[in-house]
Amino acid sequence: MKEGICQGDLLKIERIKMPVLVVSKNFFNQSGEVIGCPVYRNGKPGALHIRIETEEVTGYVHCEKMALLDMNVRRYSKLGSIHMSEIIDITDAVQGIFDYV
């Protein structure tokens, strides 16, 4: 089990070119699996493309491209994290994909 991966962390994961933002809750991440969204350097803002900027990573989180990643079998390093207000905006966008009507 990988410990220390939290919602809002930005990760560099082996075999994935762009940084990944962890959008899954901490209790889920304790399993060693995370749900993450890629962060593309270039892009246009939109309902599912939300801009973030940290010292380490600047770009657009593509909320519709989320993926389940097994961190038990991948190497990774932390690049930083985003603020809670940004996490809320991004997870609201992800949840909106699955809302009724």
PDB file of N, CA and C in Angstrom:
ATOM      1  N   MET A   1       0.840  -1.180   0.000  1.00  0.00           N
ATOM      2  CA  MET A   1       0.000   0.000   0.000  1.00  0.00           C
ATOM      3  C   MET A   1       0.886   1.246   0.000  1.00  0.00           C
ATOM      4  N   LYS A   2       0.596   2.175  -0.906  1.00  0.00           N
ATOM      5  CA  LYS A   2       1.313   3.441  -0.958  1.00  0.00           C
ATOM      6  C   LYS A   2       0.646   4.402   0.016  1.00  0.00           C
ATOM      7  N   GLU A   3       1.438   5.008   0.845  1.00  0.00           N
ATOM      8  CA  GLU A   3       0.890   5.986   1.772  1.00  0.00           C
ATOM      9  C   GLU A   3       1.334   7.375   1.351  1.00  0.00           C
ATOM     10  N   GLY A   4       0.596   8.335   1.786  1.00  0.00           N
ATOM     11  CA  GLY A   4       1.005   9.695   1.567  1.00  0.00           C
ATOM     12  C   GLY A   4       0.511  10.326   0.284  1.00  0.00           C
ATOM     13  N   ILE A   5      -0.293   9.621  -0.519  1.00  0.00           N
ATOM     14  CA  ILE A   5      -0.879  10.241  -1.705  1.00  0.00           C
ATOM     15  C   ILE A   5      -2.225  10.821  -1.293  1.00  0.00           C
ATOM     16  N   CYS A   6      -2.386  12.124  -1.504  1.00  0.00           N
ATOM     17  CA  CYS A   6      -3.599  12.806  -1.068  1.00  0.00           C
ATOM     18  C   CYS A   6      -4.320  13.452  -2.236  1.00  0.00           C
ATOM     19  N   GLN A   7      -5.616  13.629  -2.053  1.00  0.00           N
ATOM     20  CA  GLN A   7      -6.413  14.361  -3.028  1.00  0.00           C
ATOM     21  C   GLN A   7      -5.790  15.742  -3.199  1.00  0.00           C
ATOM     22  N   GLY A   8      -5.593  16.144  -4.451  1.00  0.00           N
ATOM     23  CA  GLY A   8      -4.979  17.434  -4.738  1.00  0.00           C
ATOM     24  C   GLY A   8      -3.492  17.369  -5.005  1.00  0.00           C
ATOM     25  N   ASP A   9      -2.880  16.196  -4.801  1.00  0.00           N
ATOM     26  CA  ASP A   9      -1.453  16.046  -5.108  1.00  0.00           C
ATOM     27  C   ASP A   9      -1.230  16.019  -6.613  1.00  0.00           C
ATOM     28  N   LEU A  10      -0.144  16.611  -7.040  1.00  0.00           N
ATOM     29  CA  LEU A  10       0.305  16.540  -8.423  1.00  0.00           C
ATOM     30  C   LEU A  10       1.460  15.557  -8.474  1.00  0.00           C
ATOM     31  N   LEU A  11       1.335  14.559  -9.345  1.00  0.00           N
ATOM     32  CA  LEU A  11       2.326  13.492  -9.416  1.00  0.00           C
ATOM     33  C   LEU A  11       2.956  13.399 -10.792  1.00  0.00           C
ATOM     34  N   LYS A  12       4.231  13.038 -10.819  1.00  0.00           N
ATOM     35  CA  LYS A  12       4.895  12.605 -12.043  1.00  0.00           C
ATOM     36  C   LYS A  12       4.940  11.088 -11.939  1.00  0.00           C
ATOM     37  N   ILE A  13       4.279  10.401 -12.882  1.00  0.00           N
ATOM     38  CA  ILE A  13       4.139   8.942 -12.827  1.00  0.00           C
ATOM     39  C   ILE A  13       4.861   8.332 -14.013  1.00  0.00           C
ATOM     40  N   GLU A  14       5.615   7.267 -13.741  1.00  0.00           N
ATOM     41  CA  GLU A  14       6.362   6.635 -14.827  1.00  0.00           C
ATOM     42  C   GLU A  14       5.422   6.214 -15.953  1.00  0.00           C
ATOM     43  N   ARG A  15       5.893   6.378 -17.181  1.00  0.00           N
ATOM     44  CA  ARG A  15       5.192   6.037 -18.420  1.00  0.00           C
ATOM     45  C   ARG A  15       4.012   6.962 -18.724  1.00  0.00           C
ATOM     46  N   ILE A  16       3.872   8.053 -17.982  1.00  0.00           N
ATOM     47  CA  ILE A  16       2.849   9.053 -18.292  1.00  0.00           C
ATOM     48  C   ILE A  16       3.589  10.376 -18.494  1.00  0.00           C
ATOM     49  N   LYS A  17       3.415  10.972 -19.658  1.00  0.00           N
ATOM     50  CA  LYS A  17       4.202  12.153 -20.030  1.00  0.00           C
ATOM     51  C   LYS A  17       3.886  13.389 -19.210  1.00  0.00           C
ATOM     52  N   MET A  18       2.597  13.624 -18.984  1.00  0.00           N
ATOM     53  CA  MET A  18       2.215  14.860 -18.293  1.00  0.00           C
ATOM     54  C   MET A  18       1.952  14.592 -16.814  1.00  0.00           C
ATOM     55  N   PRO A  19       1.988  15.649 -15.998  1.00  0.00           N
ATOM     56  CA  PRO A  19       1.649  15.478 -14.582  1.00  0.00           C
ATOM     57  C   PRO A  19       0.206  15.004 -14.432  1.00  0.00           C
ATOM     58  N   VAL A  20      -0.071  14.365 -13.305  1.00  0.00           N
ATOM     59  CA  VAL A  20      -1.408  13.862 -13.001  1.00  0.00           C
ATOM     60  C   VAL A  20      -1.867  14.470 -11.679  1.00  0.00           C
ATOM     61  N   LEU A  21      -3.098  14.964 -11.675  1.00  0.00           N
ATOM     62  CA  LEU A  21      -3.702  15.489 -10.454  1.00  0.00           C
ATOM     63  C   LEU A  21      -4.557  14.394  -9.834  1.00  0.00           C
ATOM     64  N   VAL A  22      -4.326  14.092  -8.568  1.00  0.00           N
ATOM     65  CA  VAL A  22      -5.122  13.096  -7.853  1.00  0.00           C
ATOM     66  C   VAL A  22      -6.451  13.735  -7.463  1.00  0.00           C
ATOM     67  N   VAL A  23      -7.566  13.164  -7.974  1.00  0.00           N
ATOM     68  CA  VAL A  23      -8.889  13.708  -7.667  1.00  0.00           C
ATOM     69  C   VAL A  23      -9.674  12.817  -6.704  1.00  0.00           C
ATOM     70  N   SER A  24      -9.224  11.595  -6.486  1.00  0.00           N
ATOM     71  CA  SER A  24      -9.938  10.691  -5.579  1.00  0.00           C
ATOM     72  C   SER A  24      -9.662  11.077  -4.125  1.00  0.00           C
ATOM     73  N   LYS A  25     -10.620  10.702  -3.268  1.00  0.00           N
ATOM     74  CA  LYS A  25     -10.531  11.017  -1.842  1.00  0.00           C
ATOM     75  C   LYS A  25      -9.416  10.212  -1.169  1.00  0.00           C
ATOM     76  N   ASN A  26      -8.924  10.727  -0.065  1.00  0.00           N
ATOM     77  CA  ASN A  26      -7.816  10.091   0.642  1.00  0.00           C
ATOM     78  C   ASN A  26      -8.131   8.668   1.090  1.00  0.00           C
ATOM     79  N   PHE A  27      -9.373   8.410   1.539  1.00  0.00           N
ATOM     80  CA  PHE A  27      -9.693   7.047   1.986  1.00  0.00           C
ATOM     81  C   PHE A  27      -9.573   6.064   0.832  1.00  0.00           C
ATOM     82  N   PHE A  28      -9.904   6.485  -0.380  1.00  0.00           N
ATOM     83  CA  PHE A  28      -9.773   5.627  -1.569  1.00  0.00           C
ATOM     84  C   PHE A  28      -8.300   5.426  -1.906  1.00  0.00           C
ATOM     85  N   ASN A  29      -7.512   6.473  -1.806  1.00  0.00           N
ATOM     86  CA  ASN A  29      -6.096   6.419  -2.169  1.00  0.00           C
ATOM     87  C   ASN A  29      -5.300   5.469  -1.278  1.00  0.00           C
ATOM     88  N   GLN A  30      -5.787   5.199  -0.076  1.00  0.00           N
ATOM     89  CA  GLN A  30      -5.093   4.299   0.837  1.00  0.00           C
ATOM     90  C   GLN A  30      -4.966   2.893   0.273  1.00  0.00           C
ATOM     91  N   SER A  31      -5.794   2.546  -0.707  1.00  0.00           N
ATOM     92  CA  SER A  31      -5.724   1.222  -1.325  1.00  0.00           C
ATOM     93  C   SER A  31      -4.490   1.074  -2.211  1.00  0.00           C
ATOM     94  N   GLY A  32      -3.842   2.198  -2.518  1.00  0.00           N
ATOM     95  CA  GLY A  32      -2.717   2.168  -3.445  1.00  0.00           C
ATOM     96  C   GLY A  32      -3.138   2.504  -4.861  1.00  0.00           C
ATOM     97  N   GLU A  33      -4.438   2.617  -5.070  1.00  0.00           N
ATOM     98  CA  GLU A  33      -4.952   3.055  -6.363  1.00  0.00           C
ATOM     99  C   GLU A  33      -5.465   4.476  -6.200  1.00  0.00           C
ATOM    100  N   VAL A  34      -5.355   5.258  -7.282  1.00  0.00           N
ATOM    101  CA  VAL A  34      -5.867   6.625  -7.270  1.00  0.00           C
ATOM    102  C   VAL A  34      -6.635   6.863  -8.559  1.00  0.00           C
ATOM    103  N   ILE A  35      -7.517   7.833  -8.532  1.00  0.00           N
ATOM    104  CA  ILE A  35      -8.138   8.323  -9.753  1.00  0.00           C
ATOM    105  C   ILE A  35      -7.494   9.669 -10.021  1.00  0.00           C
ATOM    106  N   GLY A  36      -6.922   9.787 -11.211  1.00  0.00           N
ATOM    107  CA  GLY A  36      -6.196  11.000 -11.547  1.00  0.00           C
ATOM    108  C   GLY A  36      -6.615  11.564 -12.886  1.00  0.00           C
ATOM    109  N   CYS A  37      -6.372  12.851 -13.048  1.00  0.00           N
ATOM    110  CA  CYS A  37      -6.639  13.551 -14.304  1.00  0.00           C
ATOM    111  C   CYS A  37      -5.338  14.160 -14.795  1.00  0.00           C
ATOM    112  N   PRO A  38      -5.082  14.067 -16.098  1.00  0.00           N
ATOM    113  CA  PRO A  38      -3.848  14.646 -16.632  1.00  0.00           C
ATOM    114  C   PRO A  38      -3.907  16.164 -16.648  1.00  0.00           C
ATOM    115  N   VAL A  39      -2.729  16.769 -16.547  1.00  0.00           N
ATOM    116  CA  VAL A  39      -2.605  18.222 -16.626  1.00  0.00           C
ATOM    117  C   VAL A  39      -1.796  18.543 -17.876  1.00  0.00           C
ATOM    118  N   TYR A  40      -2.458  19.168 -18.841  1.00  0.00           N
ATOM    119  CA  TYR A  40      -1.814  19.538 -20.099  1.00  0.00           C
ATOM    120  C   TYR A  40      -1.308  20.971 -20.011  1.00  0.00           C
ATOM    121  N   ARG A  41      -0.095  21.178 -20.479  1.00  0.00           N
ATOM    122  CA  ARG A  41       0.520  22.502 -20.433  1.00  0.00           C
ATOM    123  C   ARG A  41      -0.280  23.524 -21.236  1.00  0.00           C
ATOM    124  N   ASN A  42      -0.710  23.134 -22.417  1.00  0.00           N
ATOM    125  CA  ASN A  42      -1.453  24.041 -23.295  1.00  0.00           C
ATOM    126  C   ASN A  42      -2.909  23.607 -23.357  1.00  0.00           C
ATOM    127  N   GLY A  43      -3.783  24.543 -23.547  1.00  0.00           N
ATOM    128  CA  GLY A  43      -5.188  24.209 -23.662  1.00  0.00           C
ATOM    129  C   GLY A  43      -6.045  25.446 -23.568  1.00  0.00           C
ATOM    130  N   LYS A  44      -7.324  25.211 -23.640  1.00  0.00           N
ATOM    131  CA  LYS A  44      -8.294  26.289 -23.523  1.00  0.00           C
ATOM    132  C   LYS A  44      -9.168  26.020 -22.312  1.00  0.00           C
ATOM    133  N   PRO A  45      -9.489  27.054 -21.544  1.00  0.00           N
ATOM    134  CA  PRO A  45     -10.357  26.849 -20.390  1.00  0.00           C
ATOM    135  C   PRO A  45     -11.761  26.441 -20.823  1.00  0.00           C
ATOM    136  N   GLY A  46     -12.415  25.687 -19.976  1.00  0.00           N
ATOM    137  CA  GLY A  46     -13.778  25.258 -20.238  1.00  0.00           C
ATOM    138  C   GLY A  46     -14.331  24.584 -19.005  1.00  0.00           C
ATOM    139  N   ALA A  47     -15.539  24.092 -19.132  1.00  0.00           N
ATOM    140  CA  ALA A  47     -16.201  23.447 -17.989  1.00  0.00           C
ATOM    141  C   ALA A  47     -15.416  22.243 -17.479  1.00  0.00           C
ATOM    142  N   LEU A  48     -14.732  21.532 -18.373  1.00  0.00           N
ATOM    143  CA  LEU A  48     -13.978  20.342 -17.982  1.00  0.00           C
ATOM    144  C   LEU A  48     -12.468  20.518 -18.123  1.00  0.00           C
ATOM    145  N   HIS A  49     -12.030  21.717 -18.457  1.00  0.00           N
ATOM    146  CA  HIS A  49     -10.598  22.035 -18.563  1.00  0.00           C
ATOM    147  C   HIS A  49     -10.308  23.205 -17.634  1.00  0.00           C
ATOM    148  N   ILE A  50      -9.799  22.882 -16.465  1.00  0.00           N
ATOM    149  CA  ILE A  50      -9.645  23.880 -15.407  1.00  0.00           C
ATOM    150  C   ILE A  50      -8.161  24.190 -15.206  1.00  0.00           C
ATOM    151  N   ARG A  51      -7.838  25.449 -15.297  1.00  0.00           N
ATOM    152  CA  ARG A  51      -6.438  25.889 -15.185  1.00  0.00           C
ATOM    153  C   ARG A  51      -5.969  25.850 -13.735  1.00  0.00           C
ATOM    154  N   ILE A  52      -4.754  25.353 -13.574  1.00  0.00           N
ATOM    155  CA  ILE A  52      -4.090  25.390 -12.269  1.00  0.00           C
ATOM    156  C   ILE A  52      -2.696  25.968 -12.473  1.00  0.00           C
ATOM    157  N   GLU A  53      -2.171  26.516 -11.401  1.00  0.00           N
ATOM    158  CA  GLU A  53      -0.811  27.042 -11.457  1.00  0.00           C
ATOM    159  C   GLU A  53      -0.166  26.878 -10.090  1.00  0.00           C
ATOM    160  N   THR A  54       0.938  26.134 -10.078  1.00  0.00           N
ATOM    161  CA  THR A  54       1.754  25.997  -8.877  1.00  0.00           C
ATOM    162  C   THR A  54       3.183  26.339  -9.287  1.00  0.00           C
ATOM    163  N   GLU A  55       4.090  26.312  -8.348  1.00  0.00           N
ATOM    164  CA  GLU A  55       5.492  26.553  -8.697  1.00  0.00           C
ATOM    165  C   GLU A  55       6.009  25.482  -9.647  1.00  0.00           C
ATOM    166  N   GLU A  56       5.505  24.271  -9.511  1.00  0.00           N
ATOM    167  CA  GLU A  56       6.015  23.136 -10.278  1.00  0.00           C
ATOM    168  C   GLU A  56       5.224  22.854 -11.554  1.00  0.00           C
ATOM    169  N   VAL A  57       3.917  23.119 -11.544  1.00  0.00           N
ATOM    170  CA  VAL A  57       3.036  22.716 -12.647  1.00  0.00           C
ATOM    171  C   VAL A  57       2.080  23.846 -13.002  1.00  0.00           C
ATOM    172  N   THR A  58       2.000  24.152 -14.288  1.00  0.00           N
ATOM    173  CA  THR A  58       1.019  25.099 -14.796  1.00  0.00           C
ATOM    174  C   THR A  58       0.350  24.463 -15.998  1.00  0.00           C
ATOM    175  N   GLY A  59      -0.972  24.485 -16.030  1.00  0.00           N
ATOM    176  CA  GLY A  59      -1.677  23.925 -17.170  1.00  0.00           C
ATOM    177  C   GLY A  59      -3.144  23.736 -16.878  1.00  0.00           C
ATOM    178  N   TYR A  60      -3.763  22.905 -17.712  1.00  0.00           N
ATOM    179  CA  TYR A  60      -5.195  22.653 -17.638  1.00  0.00           C
ATOM    180  C   TYR A  60      -5.461  21.204 -17.243  1.00  0.00           C
ATOM    181  N   VAL A  61      -6.213  21.030 -16.171  1.00  0.00           N
ATOM    182  CA  VAL A  61      -6.642  19.696 -15.746  1.00  0.00           C
ATOM    183  C   VAL A  61      -7.776  19.285 -16.683  1.00  0.00           C
ATOM    184  N   HIS A  62      -7.621  18.145 -17.345  1.00  0.00           N
ATOM    185  CA  HIS A  62      -8.653  17.622 -18.242  1.00  0.00           C
ATOM    186  C   HIS A  62      -9.496  16.629 -17.453  1.00  0.00           C
ATOM    187  N   CYS A  63     -10.597  17.128 -16.910  1.00  0.00           N
ATOM    188  CA  CYS A  63     -11.430  16.342 -16.000  1.00  0.00           C
ATOM    189  C   CYS A  63     -12.074  15.140 -16.676  1.00  0.00           C
ATOM    190  N   GLU A  64     -12.339  15.211 -17.968  1.00  0.00           N
ATOM    191  CA  GLU A  64     -12.995  14.111 -18.676  1.00  0.00           C
ATOM    192  C   GLU A  64     -12.039  12.960 -18.985  1.00  0.00           C
ATOM    193  N   LYS A  65     -10.759  13.136 -18.720  1.00  0.00           N
ATOM    194  CA  LYS A  65      -9.769  12.101 -19.039  1.00  0.00           C
ATOM    195  C   LYS A  65      -9.262  11.394 -17.792  1.00  0.00           C
ATOM    196  N   MET A  66     -10.110  11.306 -16.778  1.00  0.00           N
ATOM    197  CA  MET A  66      -9.683  10.656 -15.540  1.00  0.00           C
ATOM    198  C   MET A  66      -9.399   9.177 -15.777  1.00  0.00           C
ATOM    199  N   ALA A  67      -8.494   8.647 -14.963  1.00  0.00           N
ATOM    200  CA  ALA A  67      -8.108   7.246 -15.088  1.00  0.00           C
ATOM    201  C   ALA A  67      -7.810   6.670 -13.709  1.00  0.00           C
ATOM    202  N   LEU A  68      -8.075   5.383 -13.571  1.00  0.00           N
ATOM    203  CA  LEU A  68      -7.704   4.650 -12.362  1.00  0.00           C
ATOM    204  C   LEU A  68      -6.263   4.200 -12.541  1.00  0.00           C
ATOM    205  N   LEU A  69      -5.416   4.558 -11.593  1.00  0.00           N
ATOM    206  CA  LEU A  69      -3.990   4.248 -11.673  1.00  0.00           C
ATOM    207  C   LEU A  69      -3.579   3.438 -10.455  1.00  0.00           C
ATOM    208  N   ASP A  70      -2.935   2.314 -10.690  1.00  0.00           N
ATOM    209  CA  ASP A  70      -2.459   1.455  -9.609  1.00  0.00           C
ATOM    210  C   ASP A  70      -1.054   1.886  -9.220  1.00  0.00           C
ATOM    211  N   MET A  71      -0.959   2.616  -8.138  1.00  0.00           N
ATOM    212  CA  MET A  71       0.322   3.154  -7.702  1.00  0.00           C
ATOM    213  C   MET A  71       1.186   2.095  -7.028  1.00  0.00           C
ATOM    214  N   ASN A  72       0.605   0.902  -6.792  1.00  0.00           N
ATOM    215  CA  ASN A  72       1.391  -0.197  -6.237  1.00  0.00           C
ATOM    216  C   ASN A  72       2.377  -0.746  -7.260  1.00  0.00           C
ATOM    217  N   VAL A  73       2.126  -0.491  -8.539  1.00  0.00           N
ATOM    218  CA  VAL A  73       2.995  -1.040  -9.591  1.00  0.00           C
ATOM    219  C   VAL A  73       3.681   0.051 -10.414  1.00  0.00           C
ATOM    220  N   ARG A  74       3.527   1.297 -10.023  1.00  0.00           N
ATOM    221  CA  ARG A  74       4.161   2.407 -10.753  1.00  0.00           C
ATOM    222  C   ARG A  74       5.035   3.224  -9.808  1.00  0.00           C
ATOM    223  N   ARG A  75       6.115   3.706 -10.357  1.00  0.00           N
ATOM    224  CA  ARG A  75       6.939   4.649  -9.605  1.00  0.00           C
ATOM    225  C   ARG A  75       6.382   6.046  -9.839  1.00  0.00           C
ATOM    226  N   TYR A  76       6.498   6.878  -8.827  1.00  0.00           N
ATOM    227  CA  TYR A  76       5.989   8.238  -8.952  1.00  0.00           C
ATOM    228  C   TYR A  76       6.779   9.156  -8.034  1.00  0.00           C
ATOM    229  N   SER A  77       6.653  10.428  -8.301  1.00  0.00           N
ATOM    230  CA  SER A  77       7.190  11.437  -7.394  1.00  0.00           C
ATOM    231  C   SER A  77       6.164  12.554  -7.292  1.00  0.00           C
ATOM    232  N   LYS A  78       6.137  13.203  -6.146  1.00  0.00           N
ATOM    233  CA  LYS A  78       5.207  14.312  -5.929  1.00  0.00           C
ATOM    234  C   LYS A  78       5.823  15.596  -6.475  1.00  0.00           C
ATOM    235  N   LEU A  79       4.996  16.342  -7.169  1.00  0.00           N
ATOM    236  CA  LEU A  79       5.428  17.616  -7.731  1.00  0.00           C
ATOM    237  C   LEU A  79       4.869  18.799  -6.954  1.00  0.00           C
ATOM    238  N   GLY A  80       3.986  18.537  -6.023  1.00  0.00           N
ATOM    239  CA  GLY A  80       3.332  19.594  -5.265  1.00  0.00           C
ATOM    240  C   GLY A  80       1.874  19.258  -5.077  1.00  0.00           C
ATOM    241  N   SER A  81       1.096  20.271  -4.746  1.00  0.00           N
ATOM    242  CA  SER A  81      -0.344  20.066  -4.565  1.00  0.00           C
ATOM    243  C   SER A  81      -1.056  21.387  -4.828  1.00  0.00           C
ATOM    244  N   ILE A  82      -2.372  21.291  -4.987  1.00  0.00           N
ATOM    245  CA  ILE A  82      -3.178  22.490  -5.224  1.00  0.00           C
ATOM    246  C   ILE A  82      -3.997  22.790  -3.968  1.00  0.00           C
ATOM    247  N   HIS A  83      -4.562  23.985  -3.929  1.00  0.00           N
ATOM    248  CA  HIS A  83      -5.351  24.421  -2.775  1.00  0.00           C
ATOM    249  C   HIS A  83      -6.738  23.765  -2.768  1.00  0.00           C
ATOM    250  N   MET A  84      -7.328  23.694  -1.586  1.00  0.00           N
ATOM    251  CA  MET A  84      -8.645  23.071  -1.417  1.00  0.00           C
ATOM    252  C   MET A  84      -9.704  23.710  -2.316  1.00  0.00           C
ATOM    253  N   SER A  85      -9.683  25.010  -2.477  1.00  0.00           N
ATOM    254  CA  SER A  85     -10.686  25.657  -3.330  1.00  0.00           C
ATOM    255  C   SER A  85     -10.582  25.163  -4.775  1.00  0.00           C
ATOM    256  N   GLU A  86      -9.370  24.897  -5.241  1.00  0.00           N
ATOM    257  CA  GLU A  86      -9.182  24.361  -6.587  1.00  0.00           C
ATOM    258  C   GLU A  86      -9.634  22.899  -6.663  1.00  0.00           C
ATOM    259  N   ILE A  87      -9.359  22.133  -5.619  1.00  0.00           N
ATOM    260  CA  ILE A  87      -9.809  20.738  -5.559  1.00  0.00           C
ATOM    261  C   ILE A  87     -11.332  20.686  -5.661  1.00  0.00           C
ATOM    262  N   ILE A  88     -11.999  21.571  -4.938  1.00  0.00           N
ATOM    263  CA  ILE A  88     -13.466  21.604  -4.957  1.00  0.00           C
ATOM    264  C   ILE A  88     -13.974  21.899  -6.367  1.00  0.00           C
ATOM    265  N   ASP A  89     -13.402  22.894  -7.035  1.00  0.00           N
ATOM    266  CA  ASP A  89     -13.822  23.222  -8.405  1.00  0.00           C
ATOM    267  C   ASP A  89     -13.638  22.036  -9.345  1.00  0.00           C
ATOM    268  N   ILE A  90     -12.510  21.365  -9.232  1.00  0.00           N
ATOM    269  CA  ILE A  90     -12.195  20.266 -10.139  1.00  0.00           C
ATOM    270  C   ILE A  90     -13.056  19.041  -9.839  1.00  0.00           C
ATOM    271  N   THR A  91     -13.221  18.691  -8.567  1.00  0.00           N
ATOM    272  CA  THR A  91     -14.051  17.523  -8.259  1.00  0.00           C
ATOM    273  C   THR A  91     -15.523  17.792  -8.560  1.00  0.00           C
ATOM    274  N   ASP A  92     -15.969  19.043  -8.448  1.00  0.00           N
ATOM    275  CA  ASP A  92     -17.331  19.386  -8.875  1.00  0.00           C
ATOM    276  C   ASP A  92     -17.494  19.149 -10.376  1.00  0.00           C
ATOM    277  N   ALA A  93     -16.478  19.509 -11.162  1.00  0.00           N
ATOM    278  CA  ALA A  93     -16.529  19.289 -12.611  1.00  0.00           C
ATOM    279  C   ALA A  93     -16.562  17.792 -12.929  1.00  0.00           C
ATOM    280  N   VAL A  94     -15.753  17.015 -12.220  1.00  0.00           N
ATOM    281  CA  VAL A  94     -15.739  15.554 -12.427  1.00  0.00           C
ATOM    282  C   VAL A  94     -17.108  14.976 -12.069  1.00  0.00           C
ATOM    283  N   GLN A  95     -17.642  15.364 -10.927  1.00  0.00           N
ATOM    284  CA  GLN A  95     -18.943  14.856 -10.492  1.00  0.00           C
ATOM    285  C   GLN A  95     -20.035  15.246 -11.506  1.00  0.00           C
ATOM    286  N   GLY A  96     -19.905  16.428 -12.074  1.00  0.00           N
ATOM    287  CA  GLY A  96     -20.883  16.901 -13.051  1.00  0.00           C
ATOM    288  C   GLY A  96     -21.001  16.014 -14.277  1.00  0.00           C
ATOM    289  N   ILE A  97     -19.953  15.281 -14.590  1.00  0.00           N
ATOM    290  CA  ILE A  97     -19.986  14.344 -15.712  1.00  0.00           C
ATOM    291  C   ILE A  97     -21.021  13.255 -15.466  1.00  0.00           C
ATOM    292  N   PHE A  98     -21.229  12.902 -14.196  1.00  0.00           N
ATOM    293  CA  PHE A  98     -22.074  11.774 -13.839  1.00  0.00           C
ATOM    294  C   PHE A  98     -23.430  12.166 -13.253  1.00  0.00           C
ATOM    295  N   ASP A  99     -23.687  13.461 -13.111  1.00  0.00           N
ATOM    296  CA  ASP A  99     -24.968  13.899 -12.553  1.00  0.00           C
ATOM    297  C   ASP A  99     -26.119  13.486 -13.452  1.00  0.00           C
ATOM    298  N   TYR A 100     -27.288  13.367 -12.850  1.00  0.00           N
ATOM    299  CA  TYR A 100     -28.503  13.095 -13.602  1.00  0.00           C
ATOM    300  C   TYR A 100     -28.962  14.368 -14.287  1.00  0.00           C
ATOM    301  N   VAL A 101     -29.544  14.224 -15.417  1.00  0.00           N
ATOM    302  CA  VAL A 101     -30.121  15.303 -16.225  1.00  0.00           C
ATOM    303  C   VAL A 101     -29.308  16.514 -16.226  1.00  0.00           C
TER     304      VAL A 101
END
